[in-house]
Amino acid sequence: SDWRIGIQRPDETGGMLGVVSIHDCAVITSGGYERYFE
């Protein structure tokens, strides 16, 4: 079966935007929530 990869919601809730089923490929996310300062 395919791997099921969750895409993180860009906040601190720990939730997900959704799940994508994949094989033989990459799922890579960029977001401003990864590193920031105020």
Full PDB file with SEQRES, HELIX, SHEET, SSBOND, CRYST1, ORIGX, SCALE, CONECT and MASTER records, all heavy atoms in Angstrom:
SEQRES   1 A   38  SER ASP TRP ARG ILE GLY ILE GLN ARG PRO ASP GLU THR          
SEQRES   2 A   38  GLY GLY MET LEU GLY VAL VAL SER ILE HIS ASP CYS ALA          
SEQRES   3 A   38  VAL ILE THR SER GLY GLY TYR GLU ARG TYR PHE GLU              
SHEET    1 AA1 2 TRP A   3  GLN A   8  0                                        
SHEET    2 AA1 2 MET A  16  ILE A  22 -1                                        
CRYST1    1.000    1.000    1.000  90.00  90.00  90.00 P 1           1          
ORIGX1      1.000000  0.000000  0.000000        0.00000                         
ORIGX2      0.000000  1.000000  0.000000        0.00000                         
ORIGX3      0.000000  0.000000  1.000000        0.00000                         
SCALE1      1.000000  0.000000  0.000000        0.00000                         
SCALE2      0.000000  1.000000  0.000000        0.00000                         
SCALE3      0.000000  0.000000  1.000000        0.00000                         
ATOM      1  N   SER A   1       0.840  -1.205   0.000  1.00  0.00           N  
ATOM      2  CA  SER A   1       0.000   0.000   0.000  1.00  0.00           C  
ATOM      3  C   SER A   1       0.872   1.251   0.000  1.00  0.00           C  
ATOM      4  O   SER A   1       2.061   1.210   0.334  1.00  0.00           O  
ATOM      5  CB  SER A   1      -0.922   0.010   1.220  1.00  0.00           C  
ATOM      6  OG  SER A   1      -0.166   0.054   2.419  1.00  0.00           O  
ATOM      7  N   ASP A   2       0.272   2.377  -0.373  1.00  0.00           N  
ATOM      8  CA  ASP A   2       0.999   3.646  -0.389  1.00  0.00           C  
ATOM      9  C   ASP A   2       1.312   4.106   1.038  1.00  0.00           C  
ATOM     10  O   ASP A   2       0.581   3.792   1.991  1.00  0.00           O  
ATOM     11  CB  ASP A   2       0.177   4.724  -1.084  1.00  0.00           C  
ATOM     12  CG  ASP A   2       0.283   4.658  -2.602  1.00  0.00           C  
ATOM     13  OD1 ASP A   2       1.129   3.890  -3.115  1.00  0.00           O  
ATOM     14  OD2 ASP A   2      -0.476   5.375  -3.270  1.00  0.00           O  
ATOM     15  N   TRP A   3       2.388   4.875   1.145  1.00  0.00           N  
ATOM     16  CA  TRP A   3       2.653   5.590   2.384  1.00  0.00           C  
ATOM     17  C   TRP A   3       1.663   6.744   2.470  1.00  0.00           C  
ATOM     18  O   TRP A   3       1.338   7.375   1.469  1.00  0.00           O  
ATOM     19  CB  TRP A   3       4.068   6.158   2.386  1.00  0.00           C  
ATOM     20  CG  TRP A   3       5.157   5.141   2.224  1.00  0.00           C  
ATOM     21  CD1 TRP A   3       5.778   4.783   1.065  1.00  0.00           C  
ATOM     22  CD2 TRP A   3       5.760   4.356   3.256  1.00  0.00           C  
ATOM     23  NE1 TRP A   3       6.727   3.826   1.308  1.00  0.00           N  
ATOM     24  CE2 TRP A   3       6.741   3.543   2.648  1.00  0.00           C  
ATOM     25  CE3 TRP A   3       5.568   4.265   4.641  1.00  0.00           C  
ATOM     26  CZ2 TRP A   3       7.527   2.652   3.361  1.00  0.00           C  
ATOM     27  CZ3 TRP A   3       6.349   3.377   5.366  1.00  0.00           C  
ATOM     28  CH2 TRP A   3       7.309   2.583   4.730  1.00  0.00           C  
ATOM     29  N   ARG A   4       1.193   7.028   3.677  1.00  0.00           N  
ATOM     30  CA  ARG A   4       0.267   8.145   3.877  1.00  0.00           C  
ATOM     31  C   ARG A   4       0.977   9.199   4.712  1.00  0.00           C  
ATOM     32  O   ARG A   4       1.329   8.964   5.865  1.00  0.00           O  
ATOM     33  CB  ARG A   4      -1.027   7.667   4.539  1.00  0.00           C  
ATOM     34  CG  ARG A   4      -1.730   6.585   3.727  1.00  0.00           C  
ATOM     35  CD  ARG A   4      -3.052   6.159   4.363  1.00  0.00           C  
ATOM     36  NE  ARG A   4      -4.030   7.237   4.313  1.00  0.00           N  
ATOM     37  CZ  ARG A   4      -4.637   7.746   5.371  1.00  0.00           C  
ATOM     38  NH1 ARG A   4      -4.364   7.285   6.580  1.00  0.00           N  
ATOM     39  NH2 ARG A   4      -5.526   8.712   5.244  1.00  0.00           N  
ATOM     40  N   ILE A   5       1.191  10.354   4.112  1.00  0.00           N  
ATOM     41  CA  ILE A   5       1.982  11.412   4.735  1.00  0.00           C  
ATOM     42  C   ILE A   5       1.089  12.605   5.059  1.00  0.00           C  
ATOM     43  O   ILE A   5       0.401  13.148   4.187  1.00  0.00           O  
ATOM     44  CB  ILE A   5       3.119  11.874   3.793  1.00  0.00           C  
ATOM     45  CG1 ILE A   5       3.924  10.674   3.285  1.00  0.00           C  
ATOM     46  CG2 ILE A   5       4.008  12.885   4.492  1.00  0.00           C  
ATOM     47  CD1 ILE A   5       4.567   9.861   4.377  1.00  0.00           C  
ATOM     48  N   GLY A   6       1.086  13.004   6.321  1.00  0.00           N  
ATOM     49  CA  GLY A   6       0.298  14.147   6.733  1.00  0.00           C  
ATOM     50  C   GLY A   6       1.075  15.439   6.540  1.00  0.00           C  
ATOM     51  O   GLY A   6       2.274  15.507   6.800  1.00  0.00           O  
ATOM     52  N   ILE A   7       0.415  16.449   6.053  1.00  0.00           N  
ATOM     53  CA  ILE A   7       1.014  17.779   5.904  1.00  0.00           C  
ATOM     54  C   ILE A   7       0.601  18.619   7.096  1.00  0.00           C  
ATOM     55  O   ILE A   7      -0.584  18.845   7.332  1.00  0.00           O  
ATOM     56  CB  ILE A   7       0.577  18.431   4.587  1.00  0.00           C  
ATOM     57  CG1 ILE A   7       1.059  17.591   3.398  1.00  0.00           C  
ATOM     58  CG2 ILE A   7       1.124  19.853   4.489  1.00  0.00           C  
ATOM     59  CD1 ILE A   7       0.554  18.091   2.053  1.00  0.00           C  
ATOM     60  N   GLN A   8       1.597  19.084   7.823  1.00  0.00           N  
ATOM     61  CA  GLN A   8       1.351  19.793   9.080  1.00  0.00           C  
ATOM     62  C   GLN A   8       0.631  21.109   8.865  1.00  0.00           C  
ATOM     63  O   GLN A   8       0.906  21.848   7.927  1.00  0.00           O  
ATOM     64  CB  GLN A   8       2.685  20.059   9.791  1.00  0.00           C  
ATOM     65  CG  GLN A   8       2.550  20.733  11.147  1.00  0.00           C  
ATOM     66  CD  GLN A   8       3.904  21.036  11.763  1.00  0.00           C  
ATOM     67  OE1 GLN A   8       4.929  20.898  11.116  1.00  0.00           O  
ATOM     68  NE2 GLN A   8       3.903  21.462  13.011  1.00  0.00           N  
ATOM     69  N   ARG A   9      -0.305  21.390   9.764  1.00  0.00           N  
ATOM     70  CA  ARG A   9      -0.959  22.702   9.774  1.00  0.00           C  
ATOM     71  C   ARG A   9       0.048  23.728  10.302  1.00  0.00           C  
ATOM     72  O   ARG A   9       0.721  23.467  11.301  1.00  0.00           O  
ATOM     73  CB  ARG A   9      -2.189  22.651  10.667  1.00  0.00           C  
ATOM     74  CG  ARG A   9      -3.184  23.751  10.410  1.00  0.00           C  
ATOM     75  CD  ARG A   9      -4.422  23.554  11.262  1.00  0.00           C  
ATOM     76  NE  ARG A   9      -5.443  24.521  10.920  1.00  0.00           N  
ATOM     77  CZ  ARG A   9      -6.676  24.208  10.542  1.00  0.00           C  
ATOM     78  NH1 ARG A   9      -7.024  22.940  10.470  1.00  0.00           N  
ATOM     79  NH2 ARG A   9      -7.552  25.130  10.244  1.00  0.00           N  
ATOM     80  N   PRO A  10       0.182  24.889   9.646  1.00  0.00           N  
ATOM     81  CA  PRO A  10       1.216  25.856  10.044  1.00  0.00           C  
ATOM     82  C   PRO A  10       0.852  26.687  11.266  1.00  0.00           C  
ATOM     83  O   PRO A  10       0.817  27.911  11.232  1.00  0.00           O  
ATOM     84  CB  PRO A  10       1.346  26.735   8.802  1.00  0.00           C  
ATOM     85  CG  PRO A  10       0.004  26.691   8.192  1.00  0.00           C  
ATOM     86  CD  PRO A  10      -0.526  25.297   8.437  1.00  0.00           C  
ATOM     87  N   ASP A  11       0.556  26.002  12.366  1.00  0.00           N  
ATOM     88  CA  ASP A  11       0.326  26.678  13.628  1.00  0.00           C  
ATOM     89  C   ASP A  11       0.740  25.716  14.731  1.00  0.00           C  
ATOM     90  O   ASP A  11       1.316  24.671  14.472  1.00  0.00           O  
ATOM     91  CB  ASP A  11      -1.140  27.120  13.770  1.00  0.00           C  
ATOM     92  CG  ASP A  11      -2.123  25.967  13.561  1.00  0.00           C  
ATOM     93  OD1 ASP A  11      -1.793  24.823  13.945  1.00  0.00           O  
ATOM     94  OD2 ASP A  11      -3.211  26.203  12.998  1.00  0.00           O  
ATOM     95  N   GLU A  12       0.459  26.069  15.951  1.00  0.00           N  
ATOM     96  CA  GLU A  12       0.929  25.266  17.071  1.00  0.00           C  
ATOM     97  C   GLU A  12      -0.139  24.303  17.594  1.00  0.00           C  
ATOM     98  O   GLU A  12      -0.020  23.761  18.691  1.00  0.00           O  
ATOM     99  CB  GLU A  12       1.420  26.187  18.201  1.00  0.00           C  
ATOM    100  CG  GLU A  12       2.606  27.043  17.773  1.00  0.00           C  
ATOM    101  CD  GLU A  12       3.113  27.957  18.875  1.00  0.00           C  
ATOM    102  OE1 GLU A  12       2.485  27.969  19.959  1.00  0.00           O  
ATOM    103  OE2 GLU A  12       4.110  28.651  18.669  1.00  0.00           O  
ATOM    104  N   THR A  13      -1.181  24.053  16.809  1.00  0.00           N  
ATOM    105  CA  THR A  13      -2.243  23.154  17.249  1.00  0.00           C  
ATOM    106  C   THR A  13      -1.858  21.692  17.103  1.00  0.00           C  
ATOM    107  O   THR A  13      -2.455  20.829  17.737  1.00  0.00           O  
ATOM    108  CB  THR A  13      -3.524  23.390  16.438  1.00  0.00           C  
ATOM    109  OG1 THR A  13      -3.285  23.048  15.058  1.00  0.00           O  
ATOM    110  CG2 THR A  13      -3.954  24.848  16.521  1.00  0.00           C  
ATOM    111  N   GLY A  14      -0.863  21.408  16.257  1.00  0.00           N  
ATOM    112  CA  GLY A  14      -0.480  20.020  16.021  1.00  0.00           C  
ATOM    113  C   GLY A  14      -1.371  19.319  15.018  1.00  0.00           C  
ATOM    114  O   GLY A  14      -1.234  18.115  14.788  1.00  0.00           O  
ATOM    115  N   GLY A  15      -2.302  20.056  14.415  1.00  0.00           N  
ATOM    116  CA  GLY A  15      -3.203  19.459  13.444  1.00  0.00           C  
ATOM    117  C   GLY A  15      -2.575  19.359  12.063  1.00  0.00           C  
ATOM    118  O   GLY A  15      -1.415  19.714  11.849  1.00  0.00           O  
ATOM    119  N   MET A  16      -3.370  18.852  11.117  1.00  0.00           N  
ATOM    120  CA  MET A  16      -2.876  18.659   9.766  1.00  0.00           C  
ATOM    121  C   MET A  16      -3.779  19.332   8.742  1.00  0.00           C  
ATOM    122  O   MET A  16      -4.987  19.412   8.923  1.00  0.00           O  
ATOM    123  CB  MET A  16      -2.771  17.173   9.446  1.00  0.00           C  
ATOM    124  CG  MET A  16      -1.662  16.451  10.196  1.00  0.00           C  
ATOM    125  SD  MET A  16      -1.600  14.723   9.722  1.00  0.00           S  
ATOM    126  CE  MET A  16      -3.195  14.156  10.347  1.00  0.00           C  
ATOM    127  N   LEU A  17      -3.173  19.764   7.648  1.00  0.00           N  
ATOM    128  CA  LEU A  17      -3.949  20.279   6.531  1.00  0.00           C  
ATOM    129  C   LEU A  17      -4.634  19.148   5.789  1.00  0.00           C  
ATOM    130  O   LEU A  17      -5.736  19.302   5.275  1.00  0.00           O  
ATOM    131  CB  LEU A  17      -3.035  21.021   5.548  1.00  0.00           C  
ATOM    132  CG  LEU A  17      -2.423  22.321   6.020  1.00  0.00           C  
ATOM    133  CD1 LEU A  17      -1.552  22.907   4.913  1.00  0.00           C  
ATOM    134  CD2 LEU A  17      -3.513  23.304   6.409  1.00  0.00           C  
ATOM    135  N   GLY A  18      -3.950  18.012   5.715  1.00  0.00           N  
ATOM    136  CA  GLY A  18      -4.483  16.876   4.993  1.00  0.00           C  
ATOM    137  C   GLY A  18      -3.456  15.772   4.906  1.00  0.00           C  
ATOM    138  O   GLY A  18      -2.356  15.881   5.453  1.00  0.00           O  
ATOM    139  N   VAL A  19      -3.823  14.715   4.223  1.00  0.00           N  
ATOM    140  CA  VAL A  19      -2.956  13.548   4.083  1.00  0.00           C  
ATOM    141  C   VAL A  19      -2.842  13.211   2.608  1.00  0.00           C  
ATOM    142  O   VAL A  19      -3.837  13.197   1.878  1.00  0.00           O  
ATOM    143  CB  VAL A  19      -3.534  12.338   4.852  1.00  0.00           C  
ATOM    144  CG1 VAL A  19      -2.655  11.107   4.654  1.00  0.00           C  
ATOM    145  CG2 VAL A  19      -3.669  12.667   6.334  1.00  0.00           C  
ATOM    146  N   VAL A  20      -1.606  12.944   2.161  1.00  0.00           N  
ATOM    147  CA  VAL A  20      -1.377  12.576   0.771  1.00  0.00           C  
ATOM    148  C   VAL A  20      -0.782  11.170   0.724  1.00  0.00           C  
ATOM    149  O   VAL A  20       0.092  10.824   1.515  1.00  0.00           O  
ATOM    150  CB  VAL A  20      -0.461  13.599   0.064  1.00  0.00           C  
ATOM    151  CG1 VAL A  20       0.899  13.696   0.724  1.00  0.00           C  
ATOM    152  CG2 VAL A  20      -0.326  13.270  -1.410  1.00  0.00           C  
ATOM    153  N   SER A  21      -1.286  10.336  -0.184  1.00  0.00           N  
ATOM    154  CA  SER A  21      -0.793   8.970  -0.362  1.00  0.00           C  
ATOM    155  C   SER A  21       0.261   8.967  -1.458  1.00  0.00           C  
ATOM    156  O   SER A  21       0.010   9.473  -2.559  1.00  0.00           O  
ATOM    157  CB  SER A  21      -1.951   8.039  -0.743  1.00  0.00           C  
ATOM    158  OG  SER A  21      -2.915   7.981   0.286  1.00  0.00           O  
ATOM    159  N   ILE A  22       1.431   8.404  -1.153  1.00  0.00           N  
ATOM    160  CA  ILE A  22       2.534   8.470  -2.102  1.00  0.00           C  
ATOM    161  C   ILE A  22       3.307   7.158  -2.169  1.00  0.00           C  
ATOM    162  O   ILE A  22       3.233   6.317  -1.279  1.00  0.00           O  
ATOM    163  CB  ILE A  22       3.539   9.580  -1.743  1.00  0.00           C  
ATOM    164  CG1 ILE A  22       4.213   9.275  -0.391  1.00  0.00           C  
ATOM    165  CG2 ILE A  22       2.879  10.946  -1.731  1.00  0.00           C  
ATOM    166  CD1 ILE A  22       5.450  10.102  -0.118  1.00  0.00           C  
ATOM    167  N   HIS A  23       4.065   6.998  -3.223  1.00  0.00           N  
ATOM    168  CA  HIS A  23       5.128   6.005  -3.326  1.00  0.00           C  
ATOM    169  C   HIS A  23       6.158   6.553  -4.308  1.00  0.00           C  
ATOM    170  O   HIS A  23       5.822   7.267  -5.247  1.00  0.00           O  
ATOM    171  CB  HIS A  23       4.596   4.643  -3.785  1.00  0.00           C  
ATOM    172  CG  HIS A  23       3.911   4.664  -5.114  1.00  0.00           C  
ATOM    173  ND1 HIS A  23       2.557   4.926  -5.252  1.00  0.00           N  
ATOM    174  CD2 HIS A  23       4.385   4.500  -6.375  1.00  0.00           C  
ATOM    175  CE1 HIS A  23       2.228   4.905  -6.534  1.00  0.00           C  
ATOM    176  NE2 HIS A  23       3.318   4.647  -7.246  1.00  0.00           N  
ATOM    177  N   ASP A  24       7.412   6.252  -4.068  1.00  0.00           N  
ATOM    178  CA  ASP A  24       8.506   6.693  -4.935  1.00  0.00           C  
ATOM    179  C   ASP A  24       8.502   8.195  -5.192  1.00  0.00           C  
ATOM    180  O   ASP A  24       8.710   8.646  -6.325  1.00  0.00           O  
ATOM    181  CB  ASP A  24       8.458   5.939  -6.271  1.00  0.00           C  
ATOM    182  CG  ASP A  24       8.958   4.503  -6.132  1.00  0.00           C  
ATOM    183  OD1 ASP A  24       9.914   4.280  -5.370  1.00  0.00           O  
ATOM    184  OD2 ASP A  24       8.379   3.619  -6.779  1.00  0.00           O  
ATOM    185  N   CYS A  25       8.270   8.969  -4.161  1.00  0.00           N  
ATOM    186  CA  CYS A  25       8.366  10.421  -4.329  1.00  0.00           C  
ATOM    187  C   CYS A  25       8.547  11.092  -2.976  1.00  0.00           C  
ATOM    188  O   CYS A  25       8.504  10.432  -1.932  1.00  0.00           O  
ATOM    189  CB  CYS A  25       7.158  10.994  -5.064  1.00  0.00           C  
ATOM    190  SG  CYS A  25       5.620  10.985  -4.146  1.00  0.00           S  
ATOM    191  N   ALA A  26       8.771  12.406  -3.032  1.00  0.00           N  
ATOM    192  CA  ALA A  26       8.999  13.190  -1.822  1.00  0.00           C  
ATOM    193  C   ALA A  26       7.841  14.135  -1.565  1.00  0.00           C  
ATOM    194  O   ALA A  26       7.149  14.555  -2.490  1.00  0.00           O  
ATOM    195  CB  ALA A  26      10.293  13.996  -1.966  1.00  0.00           C  
ATOM    196  N   VAL A  27       7.628  14.448  -0.284  1.00  0.00           N  
ATOM    197  CA  VAL A  27       6.674  15.486   0.131  1.00  0.00           C  
ATOM    198  C   VAL A  27       7.457  16.444   1.023  1.00  0.00           C  
ATOM    199  O   VAL A  27       7.849  16.091   2.135  1.00  0.00           O  
ATOM    200  CB  VAL A  27       5.484  14.898   0.904  1.00  0.00           C  
ATOM    201  CG1 VAL A  27       4.519  16.014   1.310  1.00  0.00           C  
ATOM    202  CG2 VAL A  27       4.767  13.841   0.087  1.00  0.00           C  
ATOM    203  N   ILE A  28       7.677  17.652   0.521  1.00  0.00           N  
ATOM    204  CA  ILE A  28       8.512  18.615   1.242  1.00  0.00           C  
ATOM    205  C   ILE A  28       7.757  19.929   1.387  1.00  0.00           C  
ATOM    206  O   ILE A  28       7.214  20.460   0.410  1.00  0.00           O  
ATOM    207  CB  ILE A  28       9.858  18.820   0.522  1.00  0.00           C  
ATOM    208  CG1 ILE A  28      10.659  17.503   0.581  1.00  0.00           C  
ATOM    209  CG2 ILE A  28      10.637  19.962   1.144  1.00  0.00           C  
ATOM    210  CD1 ILE A  28      12.020  17.565  -0.061  1.00  0.00           C  
ATOM    211  N   THR A  29       7.727  20.448   2.621  1.00  0.00           N  
ATOM    212  CA  THR A  29       6.936  21.631   2.942  1.00  0.00           C  
ATOM    213  C   THR A  29       7.813  22.774   3.419  1.00  0.00           C  
ATOM    214  O   THR A  29       8.756  22.568   4.190  1.00  0.00           O  
ATOM    215  CB  THR A  29       5.906  21.299   4.036  1.00  0.00           C  
ATOM    216  OG1 THR A  29       5.048  20.246   3.574  1.00  0.00           O  
ATOM    217  CG2 THR A  29       5.063  22.514   4.384  1.00  0.00           C  
ATOM    218  N   SER A  30       7.499  23.977   2.973  1.00  0.00           N  
ATOM    219  CA  SER A  30       8.124  25.199   3.480  1.00  0.00           C  
ATOM    220  C   SER A  30       7.044  26.107   4.044  1.00  0.00           C  
ATOM    221  O   SER A  30       5.962  26.225   3.472  1.00  0.00           O  
ATOM    222  CB  SER A  30       8.871  25.946   2.373  1.00  0.00           C  
ATOM    223  OG  SER A  30      10.058  25.280   2.009  1.00  0.00           O  
ATOM    224  N   GLY A  31       7.354  26.726   5.179  1.00  0.00           N  
ATOM    225  CA  GLY A  31       6.403  27.644   5.785  1.00  0.00           C  
ATOM    226  C   GLY A  31       7.093  28.582   6.748  1.00  0.00           C  
ATOM    227  O   GLY A  31       8.139  28.244   7.316  1.00  0.00           O  
ATOM    228  N   GLY A  32       6.517  29.737   6.930  1.00  0.00           N  
ATOM    229  CA  GLY A  32       7.092  30.709   7.831  1.00  0.00           C  
ATOM    230  C   GLY A  32       7.055  30.287   9.284  1.00  0.00           C  
ATOM    231  O   GLY A  32       7.739  30.871  10.130  1.00  0.00           O  
ATOM    232  N   TYR A  33       6.271  29.262   9.604  1.00  0.00           N  
ATOM    233  CA  TYR A  33       6.152  28.780  10.983  1.00  0.00           C  
ATOM    234  C   TYR A  33       7.374  27.969  11.416  1.00  0.00           C  
ATOM    235  O   TYR A  33       7.536  27.649  12.597  1.00  0.00           O  
ATOM    236  CB  TYR A  33       4.904  27.894  11.112  1.00  0.00           C  
ATOM    237  CG  TYR A  33       4.953  26.654  10.255  1.00  0.00           C  
ATOM    238  CD1 TYR A  33       5.457  25.462  10.741  1.00  0.00           C  
ATOM    239  CD2 TYR A  33       4.528  26.691   8.926  1.00  0.00           C  
ATOM    240  CE1 TYR A  33       5.526  24.331   9.943  1.00  0.00           C  
ATOM    241  CE2 TYR A  33       4.584  25.576   8.124  1.00  0.00           C  
ATOM    242  CZ  TYR A  33       5.088  24.398   8.636  1.00  0.00           C  
ATOM    243  OH  TYR A  33       5.160  23.283   7.835  1.00  0.00           O  
ATOM    244  N   GLU A  34       8.252  27.613  10.491  1.00  0.00           N  
ATOM    245  CA  GLU A  34       9.370  26.725  10.824  1.00  0.00           C  
ATOM    246  C   GLU A  34      10.419  27.428  11.685  1.00  0.00           C  
ATOM    247  O   GLU A  34      10.917  26.878  12.656  1.00  0.00           O  
ATOM    248  CB  GLU A  34      10.004  26.198   9.533  1.00  0.00           C  
ATOM    249  CG  GLU A  34       9.076  25.313   8.712  1.00  0.00           C  
ATOM    250  CD  GLU A  34       9.646  24.996   7.342  1.00  0.00           C  
ATOM    251  OE1 GLU A  34      10.074  25.933   6.639  1.00  0.00           O  
ATOM    252  OE2 GLU A  34       9.669  23.812   6.980  1.00  0.00           O  
ATOM    253  N   ARG A  35      10.810  28.635  11.278  1.00  0.00           N  
ATOM    254  CA  ARG A  35      11.783  29.436  12.034  1.00  0.00           C  
ATOM    255  C   ARG A  35      11.356  30.892  11.952  1.00  0.00           C  
ATOM    256  O   ARG A  35      11.187  31.420  10.853  1.00  0.00           O  
ATOM    257  CB  ARG A  35      13.204  29.288  11.452  1.00  0.00           C  
ATOM    258  CG  ARG A  35      13.954  28.064  11.933  1.00  0.00           C  
ATOM    259  CD  ARG A  35      15.396  28.129  11.461  1.00  0.00           C  
ATOM    260  NE  ARG A  35      15.520  27.983  10.023  1.00  0.00           N  
ATOM    261  CZ  ARG A  35      16.545  28.444   9.313  1.00  0.00           C  
ATOM    262  NH1 ARG A  35      17.497  29.145   9.898  1.00  0.00           N  
ATOM    263  NH2 ARG A  35      16.584  28.253   8.004  1.00  0.00           N  
ATOM    264  N   TYR A  36      11.221  31.524  13.097  1.00  0.00           N  
ATOM    265  CA  TYR A  36      10.798  32.920  13.091  1.00  0.00           C  
ATOM    266  C   TYR A  36      11.095  33.569  14.433  1.00  0.00           C  
ATOM    267  O   TYR A  36      11.432  32.896  15.420  1.00  0.00           O  
ATOM    268  CB  TYR A  36       9.309  33.031  12.773  1.00  0.00           C  
ATOM    269  CG  TYR A  36       8.389  32.407  13.804  1.00  0.00           C  
ATOM    270  CD1 TYR A  36       7.830  33.187  14.819  1.00  0.00           C  
ATOM    271  CD2 TYR A  36       8.080  31.056  13.769  1.00  0.00           C  
ATOM    272  CE1 TYR A  36       6.980  32.631  15.768  1.00  0.00           C  
ATOM    273  CE2 TYR A  36       7.236  30.487  14.709  1.00  0.00           C  
ATOM    274  CZ  TYR A  36       6.687  31.277  15.703  1.00  0.00           C  
ATOM    275  OH  TYR A  36       5.861  30.715  16.644  1.00  0.00           O  
ATOM    276  N   PHE A  37      10.992  34.879  14.465  1.00  0.00           N  
ATOM    277  CA  PHE A  37      11.109  35.600  15.730  1.00  0.00           C  
ATOM    278  C   PHE A  37      10.124  36.757  15.702  1.00  0.00           C  
ATOM    279  O   PHE A  37       9.604  37.134  14.642  1.00  0.00           O  
ATOM    280  CB  PHE A  37      12.540  36.076  15.973  1.00  0.00           C  
ATOM    281  CG  PHE A  37      13.015  37.169  15.062  1.00  0.00           C  
ATOM    282  CD1 PHE A  37      12.911  38.508  15.419  1.00  0.00           C  
ATOM    283  CD2 PHE A  37      13.580  36.863  13.825  1.00  0.00           C  
ATOM    284  CE1 PHE A  37      13.356  39.525  14.569  1.00  0.00           C  
ATOM    285  CE2 PHE A  37      14.032  37.863  12.975  1.00  0.00           C  
ATOM    286  CZ  PHE A  37      13.917  39.200  13.348  1.00  0.00           C  
ATOM    287  N   GLU A  38       9.859  37.318  16.875  1.00  0.00           N  
ATOM    288  CA  GLU A  38       8.942  38.447  16.988  1.00  0.00           C  
ATOM    289  C   GLU A  38       9.676  39.627  17.596  1.00  0.00           C  
ATOM    290  O   GLU A  38      10.430  39.482  18.570  1.00  0.00           O  
ATOM    291  CB  GLU A  38       7.745  38.070  17.861  1.00  0.00           C  
ATOM    292  CG  GLU A  38       6.874  36.963  17.277  1.00  0.00           C  
ATOM    293  CD  GLU A  38       5.783  36.521  18.236  1.00  0.00           C  
ATOM    294  OE1 GLU A  38       5.581  37.212  19.263  1.00  0.00           O  
ATOM    295  OE2 GLU A  38       5.151  35.497  17.972  1.00  0.00           O  
TER     296      GLU A  38                                                      
MASTER        0    0    0    0    2    0    0    6  295    1    0    3          
END                                                                             
